[in-house]
Amino acid sequence: MRSNEECTQIGDLLPEFMAGRVSPADEQRIRAHLEGCAACRARANAVSLLQHTPVPVPDPDRWECFVSGVVDAAERRRKLVDPRRIWTLVAVIVVLAVAVFLWVRFAT
């Protein structure tokens, strides 16, 4: 069983190790640790997969459409929760409630 501190140190070095940018001493230390630590081996495999997975570059036309769509959706949402609309709705409900109350009270 390896210490958490040692695993943390090795984990921090894994991306550089995978890229071949560690000193020979660190490389030897990392290899020895990976031989005895299954959790760090799994983490190393995950780092390797991430480093070899291409990052897609968005199409500029689609990106522009996406950004404008997000902005439009945010504007619509902002308009839906406009405080003036809420207060207007509350005022209409209060006026209707008072009108119904007065009608029921004085109509009979």
PDB file of N, CA and C in Angstrom:
ATOM      1  N   MET A   1       0.851  -1.194   0.000  1.00  0.00           N
ATOM      2  CA  MET A   1       0.000   0.000   0.000  1.00  0.00           C
ATOM      3  C   MET A   1       0.884   1.241   0.000  1.00  0.00           C
ATOM      4  N   ARG A   2       0.638   2.132  -0.892  1.00  0.00           N
ATOM      5  CA  ARG A   2       1.427   3.350  -1.009  1.00  0.00           C
ATOM      6  C   ARG A   2       0.752   4.468  -0.234  1.00  0.00           C
ATOM      7  N   SER A   3       1.555   5.468   0.155  1.00  0.00           N
ATOM      8  CA  SER A   3       0.991   6.595   0.901  1.00  0.00           C
ATOM      9  C   SER A   3       0.257   7.536  -0.061  1.00  0.00           C
ATOM     10  N   ASN A   4      -0.737   8.203   0.470  1.00  0.00           N
ATOM     11  CA  ASN A   4      -1.493   9.157  -0.337  1.00  0.00           C
ATOM     12  C   ASN A   4      -0.603  10.278  -0.848  1.00  0.00           C
ATOM     13  N   GLU A   5       0.336  10.706  -0.032  1.00  0.00           N
ATOM     14  CA  GLU A   5       1.237  11.792  -0.435  1.00  0.00           C
ATOM     15  C   GLU A   5       2.093  11.372  -1.629  1.00  0.00           C
ATOM     16  N   GLU A   6       2.595  10.160  -1.584  1.00  0.00           N
ATOM     17  CA  GLU A   6       3.421   9.660  -2.685  1.00  0.00           C
ATOM     18  C   GLU A   6       2.577   9.540  -3.958  1.00  0.00           C
ATOM     19  N   CYS A   7       1.364   9.024  -3.826  1.00  0.00           N
ATOM     20  CA  CYS A   7       0.480   8.900  -4.990  1.00  0.00           C
ATOM     21  C   CYS A   7       0.141  10.283  -5.559  1.00  0.00           C
ATOM     22  N   THR A   8      -0.051  11.259  -4.687  1.00  0.00           N
ATOM     23  CA  THR A   8      -0.340  12.617  -5.144  1.00  0.00           C
ATOM     24  C   THR A   8       0.837  13.179  -5.926  1.00  0.00           C
ATOM     25  N   GLN A   9       2.043  12.969  -5.412  1.00  0.00           N
ATOM     26  CA  GLN A   9       3.242  13.457  -6.104  1.00  0.00           C
ATOM     27  C   GLN A   9       3.400  12.788  -7.465  1.00  0.00           C
ATOM     28  N   ILE A  10       3.197  11.489  -7.506  1.00  0.00           N
ATOM     29  CA  ILE A  10       3.316  10.758  -8.769  1.00  0.00           C
ATOM     30  C   ILE A  10       2.226  11.224  -9.731  1.00  0.00           C
ATOM     31  N   GLY A  11       1.019  11.384  -9.221  1.00  0.00           N
ATOM     32  CA  GLY A  11      -0.090  11.845 -10.066  1.00  0.00           C
ATOM     33  C   GLY A  11       0.184  13.200 -10.685  1.00  0.00           C
ATOM     34  N   ASP A  12       0.812  14.086  -9.922  1.00  0.00           N
ATOM     35  CA  ASP A  12       1.146  15.415 -10.440  1.00  0.00           C
ATOM     36  C   ASP A  12       2.198  15.331 -11.551  1.00  0.00           C
ATOM     37  N   LEU A  13       3.062  14.322 -11.470  1.00  0.00           N
ATOM     38  CA  LEU A  13       4.130  14.173 -12.461  1.00  0.00           C
ATOM     39  C   LEU A  13       3.711  13.366 -13.698  1.00  0.00           C
ATOM     40  N   LEU A  14       2.580  12.683 -13.629  1.00  0.00           N
ATOM     41  CA  LEU A  14       2.196  11.784 -14.725  1.00  0.00           C
ATOM     42  C   LEU A  14       2.121  12.463 -16.097  1.00  0.00           C
ATOM     43  N   PRO A  15       1.479  13.622 -16.244  1.00  0.00           N
ATOM     44  CA  PRO A  15       1.423  14.223 -17.588  1.00  0.00           C
ATOM     45  C   PRO A  15       2.812  14.506 -18.163  1.00  0.00           C
ATOM     46  N   GLU A  16       3.708  15.010 -17.322  1.00  0.00           N
ATOM     47  CA  GLU A  16       5.072  15.282 -17.783  1.00  0.00           C
ATOM     48  C   GLU A  16       5.810  13.974 -18.080  1.00  0.00           C
ATOM     49  N   PHE A  17       5.578  12.965 -17.263  1.00  0.00           N
ATOM     50  CA  PHE A  17       6.187  11.646 -17.479  1.00  0.00           C
ATOM     51  C   PHE A  17       5.737  11.071 -18.812  1.00  0.00           C
ATOM     52  N   MET A  18       4.432  11.145 -19.072  1.00  0.00           N
ATOM     53  CA  MET A  18       3.882  10.605 -20.322  1.00  0.00           C
ATOM     54  C   MET A  18       4.421  11.352 -21.537  1.00  0.00           C
ATOM     55  N   ALA A  19       4.724  12.628 -21.354  1.00  0.00           N
ATOM     56  CA  ALA A  19       5.263  13.427 -22.458  1.00  0.00           C
ATOM     57  C   ALA A  19       6.772  13.289 -22.571  1.00  0.00           C
ATOM     58  N   GLY A  20       7.397  12.554 -21.633  1.00  0.00           N
ATOM     59  CA  GLY A  20       8.838  12.355 -21.676  1.00  0.00           C
ATOM     60  C   GLY A  20       9.638  13.558 -21.210  1.00  0.00           C
ATOM     61  N   ARG A  21       9.053  14.341 -20.320  1.00  0.00           N
ATOM     62  CA  ARG A  21       9.721  15.568 -19.869  1.00  0.00           C
ATOM     63  C   ARG A  21      10.064  15.535 -18.383  1.00  0.00           C
ATOM     64  N   VAL A  22      10.479  14.381 -17.875  1.00  0.00           N
ATOM     65  CA  VAL A  22      10.931  14.296 -16.485  1.00  0.00           C
ATOM     66  C   VAL A  22      12.389  13.866 -16.465  1.00  0.00           C
ATOM     67  N   SER A  23      13.022  14.134 -15.356  1.00  0.00           N
ATOM     68  CA  SER A  23      14.436  13.750 -15.220  1.00  0.00           C
ATOM     69  C   SER A  23      14.540  12.226 -15.164  1.00  0.00           C
ATOM     70  N   PRO A  24      15.704  11.685 -15.471  1.00  0.00           N
ATOM     71  CA  PRO A  24      15.883  10.229 -15.376  1.00  0.00           C
ATOM     72  C   PRO A  24      15.585   9.692 -13.975  1.00  0.00           C
ATOM     73  N   ALA A  25      15.950  10.445 -12.943  1.00  0.00           N
ATOM     74  CA  ALA A  25      15.680   9.995 -11.569  1.00  0.00           C
ATOM     75  C   ALA A  25      14.174   9.934 -11.315  1.00  0.00           C
ATOM     76  N   ASP A  26      13.442  10.980 -11.758  1.00  0.00           N
ATOM     77  CA  ASP A  26      11.987  10.977 -11.581  1.00  0.00           C
ATOM     78  C   ASP A  26      11.343   9.868 -12.405  1.00  0.00           C
ATOM     79  N   GLU A  27      11.862   9.631 -13.603  1.00  0.00           N
ATOM     80  CA  GLU A  27      11.312   8.565 -14.448  1.00  0.00           C
ATOM     81  C   GLU A  27      11.449   7.217 -13.751  1.00  0.00           C
ATOM     82  N   GLN A  28      12.611   6.963 -13.165  1.00  0.00           N
ATOM     83  CA  GLN A  28      12.834   5.704 -12.464  1.00  0.00           C
ATOM     84  C   GLN A  28      11.901   5.593 -11.257  1.00  0.00           C
ATOM     85  N   ARG A  29      11.765   6.674 -10.511  1.00  0.00           N
ATOM     86  CA  ARG A  29      10.886   6.687  -9.335  1.00  0.00           C
ATOM     87  C   ARG A  29       9.430   6.442  -9.738  1.00  0.00           C
ATOM     88  N   ILE A  30       8.990   7.073 -10.816  1.00  0.00           N
ATOM     89  CA  ILE A  30       7.603   6.914 -11.275  1.00  0.00           C
ATOM     90  C   ILE A  30       7.361   5.491 -11.744  1.00  0.00           C
ATOM     91  N   ARG A  31       8.304   4.948 -12.528  1.00  0.00           N
ATOM     92  CA  ARG A  31       8.139   3.566 -13.008  1.00  0.00           C
ATOM     93  C   ARG A  31       8.065   2.575 -11.843  1.00  0.00           C
ATOM     94  N   ALA A  32       8.896   2.763 -10.848  1.00  0.00           N
ATOM     95  CA  ALA A  32       8.884   1.875  -9.677  1.00  0.00           C
ATOM     96  C   ALA A  32       7.561   1.996  -8.938  1.00  0.00           C
ATOM     97  N   HIS A  33       7.072   3.221  -8.818  1.00  0.00           N
ATOM     98  CA  HIS A  33       5.796   3.421  -8.123  1.00  0.00           C
ATOM     99  C   HIS A  33       4.652   2.775  -8.899  1.00  0.00           C
ATOM    100  N   LEU A  34       4.639   2.961 -10.223  1.00  0.00           N
ATOM    101  CA  LEU A  34       3.559   2.401 -11.039  1.00  0.00           C
ATOM    102  C   LEU A  34       3.529   0.881 -11.003  1.00  0.00           C
ATOM    103  N   GLU A  35       4.693   0.252 -10.855  1.00  0.00           N
ATOM    104  CA  GLU A  35       4.739  -1.206 -10.763  1.00  0.00           C
ATOM    105  C   GLU A  35       4.000  -1.704  -9.524  1.00  0.00           C
ATOM    106  N   GLY A  36       4.042  -0.946  -8.439  1.00  0.00           N
ATOM    107  CA  GLY A  36       3.438  -1.410  -7.195  1.00  0.00           C
ATOM    108  C   GLY A  36       2.106  -0.773  -6.840  1.00  0.00           C
ATOM    109  N   CYS A  37       1.622   0.160  -7.649  1.00  0.00           N
ATOM    110  CA  CYS A  37       0.384   0.864  -7.283  1.00  0.00           C
ATOM    111  C   CYS A  37      -0.636   0.792  -8.422  1.00  0.00           C
ATOM    112  N   ALA A  38      -1.647  -0.028  -8.220  1.00  0.00           N
ATOM    113  CA  ALA A  38      -2.670  -0.219  -9.256  1.00  0.00           C
ATOM    114  C   ALA A  38      -3.476   1.057  -9.506  1.00  0.00           C
ATOM    115  N   ALA A  39      -3.738   1.827  -8.452  1.00  0.00           N
ATOM    116  CA  ALA A  39      -4.523   3.056  -8.616  1.00  0.00           C
ATOM    117  C   ALA A  39      -3.780   4.062  -9.498  1.00  0.00           C
ATOM    118  N   CYS A  40      -2.489   4.199  -9.276  1.00  0.00           N
ATOM    119  CA  CYS A  40      -1.698   5.136 -10.088  1.00  0.00           C
ATOM    120  C   CYS A  40      -1.521   4.616 -11.511  1.00  0.00           C
ATOM    121  N   ARG A  41      -1.449   3.293 -11.683  1.00  0.00           N
ATOM    122  CA  ARG A  41      -1.396   2.731 -13.035  1.00  0.00           C
ATOM    123  C   ARG A  41      -2.661   3.061 -13.800  1.00  0.00           C
ATOM    124  N   ALA A  42      -3.807   2.930 -13.119  1.00  0.00           N
ATOM    125  CA  ALA A  42      -5.080   3.270 -13.764  1.00  0.00           C
ATOM    126  C   ALA A  42      -5.113   4.754 -14.120  1.00  0.00           C
ATOM    127  N   ARG A  43      -4.617   5.588 -13.220  1.00  0.00           N
ATOM    128  CA  ARG A  43      -4.570   7.026 -13.482  1.00  0.00           C
ATOM    129  C   ARG A  43      -3.642   7.333 -14.662  1.00  0.00           C
ATOM    130  N   ALA A  44      -2.509   6.622 -14.727  1.00  0.00           N
ATOM    131  CA  ALA A  44      -1.575   6.799 -15.834  1.00  0.00           C
ATOM    132  C   ALA A  44      -2.222   6.404 -17.161  1.00  0.00           C
ATOM    133  N   ASN A  45      -3.005   5.333 -17.147  1.00  0.00           N
ATOM    134  CA  ASN A  45      -3.722   4.928 -18.360  1.00  0.00           C
ATOM    135  C   ASN A  45      -4.721   5.989 -18.780  1.00  0.00           C
ATOM    136  N   ALA A  46      -5.407   6.579 -17.818  1.00  0.00           N
ATOM    137  CA  ALA A  46      -6.369   7.631 -18.126  1.00  0.00           C
ATOM    138  C   ALA A  46      -5.672   8.867 -18.703  1.00  0.00           C
ATOM    139  N   VAL A  47      -4.540   9.240 -18.114  1.00  0.00           N
ATOM    140  CA  VAL A  47      -3.772  10.385 -18.626  1.00  0.00           C
ATOM    141  C   VAL A  47      -3.310  10.098 -20.044  1.00  0.00           C
ATOM    142  N   SER A  48      -2.864   8.881 -20.291  1.00  0.00           N
ATOM    143  CA  SER A  48      -2.404   8.507 -21.629  1.00  0.00           C
ATOM    144  C   SER A  48      -3.541   8.627 -22.644  1.00  0.00           C
ATOM    145  N   LEU A  49      -4.717   8.129 -22.273  1.00  0.00           N
ATOM    146  CA  LEU A  49      -5.867   8.239 -23.171  1.00  0.00           C
ATOM    147  C   LEU A  49      -6.215   9.695 -23.452  1.00  0.00           C
ATOM    148  N   LEU A  50      -6.198  10.510 -22.413  1.00  0.00           N
ATOM    149  CA  LEU A  50      -6.516  11.928 -22.599  1.00  0.00           C
ATOM    150  C   LEU A  50      -5.502  12.616 -23.499  1.00  0.00           C
ATOM    151  N   GLN A  51      -4.240  12.271 -23.346  1.00  0.00           N
ATOM    152  CA  GLN A  51      -3.213  12.917 -24.155  1.00  0.00           C
ATOM    153  C   GLN A  51      -3.284  12.490 -25.616  1.00  0.00           C
ATOM    154  N   HIS A  52      -3.848  11.327 -25.874  1.00  0.00           N
ATOM    155  CA  HIS A  52      -3.931  10.840 -27.248  1.00  0.00           C
ATOM    156  C   HIS A  52      -5.310  11.023 -27.870  1.00  0.00           C
ATOM    157  N   THR A  53      -6.213  11.660 -27.158  1.00  0.00           N
ATOM    158  CA  THR A  53      -7.539  11.931 -27.695  1.00  0.00           C
ATOM    159  C   THR A  53      -7.538  13.303 -28.336  1.00  0.00           C
ATOM    160  N   PRO A  54      -7.839  13.364 -29.635  1.00  0.00           N
ATOM    161  CA  PRO A  54      -7.831  14.674 -30.288  1.00  0.00           C
ATOM    162  C   PRO A  54      -8.966  15.554 -29.790  1.00  0.00           C
ATOM    163  N   VAL A  55      -8.673  16.816 -29.677  1.00  0.00           N
ATOM    164  CA  VAL A  55      -9.687  17.789 -29.268  1.00  0.00           C
ATOM    165  C   VAL A  55     -10.302  18.374 -30.541  1.00  0.00           C
ATOM    166  N   PRO A  56     -11.608  18.228 -30.715  1.00  0.00           N
ATOM    167  CA  PRO A  56     -12.221  18.732 -31.941  1.00  0.00           C
ATOM    168  C   PRO A  56     -12.190  20.261 -31.989  1.00  0.00           C
ATOM    169  N   VAL A  57     -11.941  20.776 -33.170  1.00  0.00           N
ATOM    170  CA  VAL A  57     -11.956  22.215 -33.377  1.00  0.00           C
ATOM    171  C   VAL A  57     -13.315  22.567 -33.965  1.00  0.00           C
ATOM    172  N   PRO A  58     -14.062  23.471 -33.320  1.00  0.00           N
ATOM    173  CA  PRO A  58     -15.397  23.779 -33.825  1.00  0.00           C
ATOM    174  C   PRO A  58     -15.337  24.511 -35.160  1.00  0.00           C
ATOM    175  N   ASP A  59     -16.300  24.213 -35.997  1.00  0.00           N
ATOM    176  CA  ASP A  59     -16.455  24.912 -37.270  1.00  0.00           C
ATOM    177  C   ASP A  59     -16.828  26.358 -36.966  1.00  0.00           C
ATOM    178  N   PRO A  60     -16.118  27.340 -37.525  1.00  0.00           N
ATOM    179  CA  PRO A  60     -16.397  28.746 -37.189  1.00  0.00           C
ATOM    180  C   PRO A  60     -17.848  29.157 -37.429  1.00  0.00           C
ATOM    181  N   ASP A  61     -18.469  28.657 -38.488  1.00  0.00           N
ATOM    182  CA  ASP A  61     -19.867  29.013 -38.771  1.00  0.00           C
ATOM    183  C   ASP A  61     -20.806  28.443 -37.711  1.00  0.00           C
ATOM    184  N   ARG A  62     -20.582  27.200 -37.341  1.00  0.00           N
ATOM    185  CA  ARG A  62     -21.428  26.587 -36.310  1.00  0.00           C
ATOM    186  C   ARG A  62     -21.175  27.231 -34.952  1.00  0.00           C
ATOM    187  N   TRP A  63     -19.924  27.572 -34.678  1.00  0.00           N
ATOM    188  CA  TRP A  63     -19.595  28.206 -33.401  1.00  0.00           C
ATOM    189  C   TRP A  63     -20.322  29.538 -33.282  1.00  0.00           C
ATOM    190  N   GLU A  64     -20.311  30.328 -34.341  1.00  0.00           N
ATOM    191  CA  GLU A  64     -20.987  31.630 -34.334  1.00  0.00           C
ATOM    192  C   GLU A  64     -22.484  31.441 -34.106  1.00  0.00           C
ATOM    193  N   CYS A  65     -23.061  30.446 -34.751  1.00  0.00           N
ATOM    194  CA  CYS A  65     -24.489  30.141 -34.568  1.00  0.00           C
ATOM    195  C   CYS A  65     -24.759  29.712 -33.126  1.00  0.00           C
ATOM    196  N   PHE A  66     -23.874  28.901 -32.573  1.00  0.00           N
ATOM    197  CA  PHE A  66     -24.039  28.442 -31.189  1.00  0.00           C
ATOM    198  C   PHE A  66     -24.001  29.615 -30.216  1.00  0.00           C
ATOM    199  N   VAL A  67     -23.003  30.488 -30.392  1.00  0.00           N
ATOM    200  CA  VAL A  67     -22.852  31.630 -29.488  1.00  0.00           C
ATOM    201  C   VAL A  67     -24.069  32.545 -29.585  1.00  0.00           C
ATOM    202  N   SER A  68     -24.509  32.843 -30.799  1.00  0.00           N
ATOM    203  CA  SER A  68     -25.679  33.726 -30.936  1.00  0.00           C
ATOM    204  C   SER A  68     -26.929  33.058 -30.369  1.00  0.00           C
ATOM    205  N   GLY A  69     -27.033  31.733 -30.494  1.00  0.00           N
ATOM    206  CA  GLY A  69     -28.171  31.017 -29.914  1.00  0.00           C
ATOM    207  C   GLY A  69     -28.182  31.097 -28.397  1.00  0.00           C
ATOM    208  N   VAL A  70     -27.020  30.977 -27.785  1.00  0.00           N
ATOM    209  CA  VAL A  70     -26.921  31.083 -26.325  1.00  0.00           C
ATOM    210  C   VAL A  70     -27.293  32.492 -25.877  1.00  0.00           C
ATOM    211  N   VAL A  71     -26.807  33.498 -26.600  1.00  0.00           N
ATOM    212  CA  VAL A  71     -27.124  34.885 -26.250  1.00  0.00           C
ATOM    213  C   VAL A  71     -28.621  35.137 -26.392  1.00  0.00           C
ATOM    214  N   ASP A  72     -29.224  34.648 -27.473  1.00  0.00           N
ATOM    215  CA  ASP A  72     -30.664  34.822 -27.669  1.00  0.00           C
ATOM    216  C   ASP A  72     -31.466  34.150 -26.564  1.00  0.00           C
ATOM    217  N   ALA A  73     -31.072  32.940 -26.190  1.00  0.00           N
ATOM    218  CA  ALA A  73     -31.780  32.227 -25.118  1.00  0.00           C
ATOM    219  C   ALA A  73     -31.663  32.976 -23.799  1.00  0.00           C
ATOM    220  N   ALA A  74     -30.500  33.526 -23.523  1.00  0.00           N
ATOM    221  CA  ALA A  74     -30.309  34.292 -22.286  1.00  0.00           C
ATOM    222  C   ALA A  74     -31.177  35.548 -22.297  1.00  0.00           C
ATOM    223  N   GLU A  75     -31.281  36.205 -23.429  1.00  0.00           N
ATOM    224  CA  GLU A  75     -32.121  37.400 -23.529  1.00  0.00           C
ATOM    225  C   GLU A  75     -33.595  37.054 -23.318  1.00  0.00           C
ATOM    226  N   ARG A  76     -34.051  35.945 -23.912  1.00  0.00           N
ATOM    227  CA  ARG A  76     -35.457  35.534 -23.727  1.00  0.00           C
ATOM    228  C   ARG A  76     -35.737  35.217 -22.267  1.00  0.00           C
ATOM    229  N   ARG A  77     -34.815  34.534 -21.624  1.00  0.00           N
ATOM    230  CA  ARG A  77     -35.005  34.184 -20.217  1.00  0.00           C
ATOM    231  C   ARG A  77     -35.036  35.441 -19.351  1.00  0.00           C
ATOM    232  N   ARG A  78     -34.162  36.391 -19.656  1.00  0.00           N
ATOM    233  CA  ARG A  78     -34.114  37.631 -18.894  1.00  0.00           C
ATOM    234  C   ARG A  78     -35.434  38.381 -19.036  1.00  0.00           C
ATOM    235  N   LYS A  79     -36.010  38.359 -20.232  1.00  0.00           N
ATOM    236  CA  LYS A  79     -37.277  39.054 -20.448  1.00  0.00           C
ATOM    237  C   LYS A  79     -38.420  38.370 -19.700  1.00  0.00           C
ATOM    238  N   LEU A  80     -38.357  37.050 -19.568  1.00  0.00           N
ATOM    239  CA  LEU A  80     -39.415  36.321 -18.866  1.00  0.00           C
ATOM    240  C   LEU A  80     -39.454  36.652 -17.382  1.00  0.00           C
ATOM    241  N   VAL A  81     -38.343  36.915 -16.782  1.00  0.00           N
ATOM    242  CA  VAL A  81     -38.302  37.184 -15.347  1.00  0.00           C
ATOM    243  C   VAL A  81     -38.069  38.664 -15.058  1.00  0.00           C
ATOM    244  N   ASP A  82     -38.491  39.515 -15.960  1.00  0.00           N
ATOM    245  CA  ASP A  82     -38.362  40.950 -15.773  1.00  0.00           C
ATOM    246  C   ASP A  82     -39.194  41.360 -14.555  1.00  0.00           C
ATOM    247  N   PRO A  83     -38.617  42.039 -13.569  1.00  0.00           N
ATOM    248  CA  PRO A  83     -39.349  42.414 -12.355  1.00  0.00           C
ATOM    249  C   PRO A  83     -40.591  43.269 -12.647  1.00  0.00           C
ATOM    250  N   ARG A  84     -40.555  44.078 -13.676  1.00  0.00           N
ATOM    251  CA  ARG A  84     -41.740  44.889 -14.006  1.00  0.00           C
ATOM    252  C   ARG A  84     -42.910  44.005 -14.404  1.00  0.00           C
ATOM    253  N   ARG A  85     -42.625  42.920 -15.132  1.00  0.00           N
ATOM    254  CA  ARG A  85     -43.704  42.012 -15.520  1.00  0.00           C
ATOM    255  C   ARG A  85     -44.288  41.308 -14.285  1.00  0.00           C
ATOM    256  N   ILE A  86     -43.431  40.935 -13.376  1.00  0.00           N
ATOM    257  CA  ILE A  86     -43.899  40.255 -12.165  1.00  0.00           C
ATOM    258  C   ILE A  86     -44.782  41.184 -11.349  1.00  0.00           C
ATOM    259  N   TRP A  87     -44.346  42.436 -11.136  1.00  0.00           N
ATOM    260  CA  TRP A  87     -45.145  43.375 -10.354  1.00  0.00           C
ATOM    261  C   TRP A  87     -46.456  43.716 -11.052  1.00  0.00           C
ATOM    262  N   THR A  88     -46.443  43.799 -12.372  1.00  0.00           N
ATOM    263  CA  THR A  88     -47.682  44.047 -13.110  1.00  0.00           C
ATOM    264  C   THR A  88     -48.645  42.892 -12.900  1.00  0.00           C
ATOM    265  N   LEU A  89     -48.160  41.662 -12.973  1.00  0.00           N
ATOM    266  CA  LEU A  89     -49.002  40.490 -12.757  1.00  0.00           C
ATOM    267  C   LEU A  89     -49.556  40.475 -11.339  1.00  0.00           C
ATOM    268  N   VAL A  90     -48.730  40.798 -10.353  1.00  0.00           N
ATOM    269  CA  VAL A  90     -49.195  40.849  -8.963  1.00  0.00           C
ATOM    270  C   VAL A  90     -50.278  41.910  -8.808  1.00  0.00           C
ATOM    271  N   ALA A  91     -50.082  43.080  -9.419  1.00  0.00           N
ATOM    272  CA  ALA A  91     -51.072  44.161  -9.319  1.00  0.00           C
ATOM    273  C   ALA A  91     -52.398  43.746  -9.947  1.00  0.00           C
ATOM    274  N   VAL A  92     -52.362  43.091 -11.090  1.00  0.00           N
ATOM    275  CA  VAL A  92     -53.591  42.633 -11.751  1.00  0.00           C
ATOM    276  C   VAL A  92     -54.316  41.627 -10.869  1.00  0.00           C
ATOM    277  N   ILE A  93     -53.592  40.709 -10.270  1.00  0.00           N
ATOM    278  CA  ILE A  93     -54.212  39.700  -9.398  1.00  0.00           C
ATOM    279  C   ILE A  93     -54.847  40.365  -8.182  1.00  0.00           C
ATOM    280  N   VAL A  94     -54.168  41.332  -7.591  1.00  0.00           N
ATOM    281  CA  VAL A  94     -54.716  42.037  -6.419  1.00  0.00           C
ATOM    282  C   VAL A  94     -55.981  42.789  -6.809  1.00  0.00           C
ATOM    283  N   VAL A  95     -55.967  43.492  -7.924  1.00  0.00           N
ATOM    284  CA  VAL A  95     -57.150  44.242  -8.364  1.00  0.00           C
ATOM    285  C   VAL A  95     -58.305  43.294  -8.613  1.00  0.00           C
ATOM    286  N   LEU A  96     -58.054  42.170  -9.267  1.00  0.00           N
ATOM    287  CA  LEU A  96     -59.120  41.194  -9.509  1.00  0.00           C
ATOM    288  C   LEU A  96     -59.648  40.618  -8.196  1.00  0.00           C
ATOM    289  N   ALA A  97     -58.756  40.320  -7.265  1.00  0.00           N
ATOM    290  CA  ALA A  97     -59.192  39.767  -5.975  1.00  0.00           C
ATOM    291  C   ALA A  97     -60.055  40.784  -5.230  1.00  0.00           C
ATOM    292  N   VAL A  98     -59.671  42.053  -5.231  1.00  0.00           N
ATOM    293  CA  VAL A  98     -60.464  43.089  -4.562  1.00  0.00           C
ATOM    294  C   VAL A  98     -61.804  43.249  -5.252  1.00  0.00           C
ATOM    295  N   ALA A  99     -61.816  43.229  -6.574  1.00  0.00           N
ATOM    296  CA  ALA A  99     -63.062  43.366  -7.320  1.00  0.00           C
ATOM    297  C   ALA A  99     -64.014  42.212  -7.010  1.00  0.00           C
ATOM    298  N   VAL A 100     -63.506  40.995  -6.989  1.00  0.00           N
ATOM    299  CA  VAL A 100     -64.355  39.843  -6.663  1.00  0.00           C
ATOM    300  C   VAL A 100     -64.849  39.941  -5.234  1.00  0.00           C
ATOM    301  N   PHE A 101     -63.991  40.330  -4.322  1.00  0.00           N
ATOM    302  CA  PHE A 101     -64.394  40.470  -2.931  1.00  0.00           C
ATOM    303  C   PHE A 101     -65.513  41.507  -2.786  1.00  0.00           C
ATOM    304  N   LEU A 102     -65.341  42.654  -3.418  1.00  0.00           N
ATOM    305  CA  LEU A 102     -66.357  43.709  -3.335  1.00  0.00           C
ATOM    306  C   LEU A 102     -67.658  43.283  -3.997  1.00  0.00           C
ATOM    307  N   TRP A 103     -67.569  42.602  -5.107  1.00  0.00           N
ATOM    308  CA  TRP A 103     -68.779  42.152  -5.798  1.00  0.00           C
ATOM    309  C   TRP A 103     -69.558  41.148  -4.943  1.00  0.00           C
ATOM    310  N   VAL A 104     -68.823  40.194  -4.349  1.00  0.00           N
ATOM    311  CA  VAL A 104     -69.474  39.195  -3.506  1.00  0.00           C
ATOM    312  C   VAL A 104     -70.044  39.866  -2.262  1.00  0.00           C
ATOM    313  N   ARG A 105     -69.348  40.791  -1.691  1.00  0.00           N
ATOM    314  CA  ARG A 105     -69.753  41.459  -0.451  1.00  0.00           C
ATOM    315  C   ARG A 105     -71.002  42.332  -0.650  1.00  0.00           C
ATOM    316  N   PHE A 106     -71.045  43.096  -1.754  1.00  0.00           N
ATOM    317  CA  PHE A 106     -72.125  44.052  -1.934  1.00  0.00           C
ATOM    318  C   PHE A 106     -73.188  43.578  -2.917  1.00  0.00           C
ATOM    319  N   ALA A 107     -72.988  42.474  -3.596  1.00  0.00           N
ATOM    320  CA  ALA A 107     -73.981  41.977  -4.544  1.00  0.00           C
ATOM    321  C   ALA A 107     -75.107  41.221  -3.832  1.00  0.00           C
ATOM    322  N   THR A 108     -74.856  40.790  -2.637  1.00  0.00           N
ATOM    323  CA  THR A 108     -75.903  40.021  -1.940  1.00  0.00           C
ATOM    324  C   THR A 108     -76.645  40.811  -0.924  1.00  0.00           C
TER     325      THR A 108
END
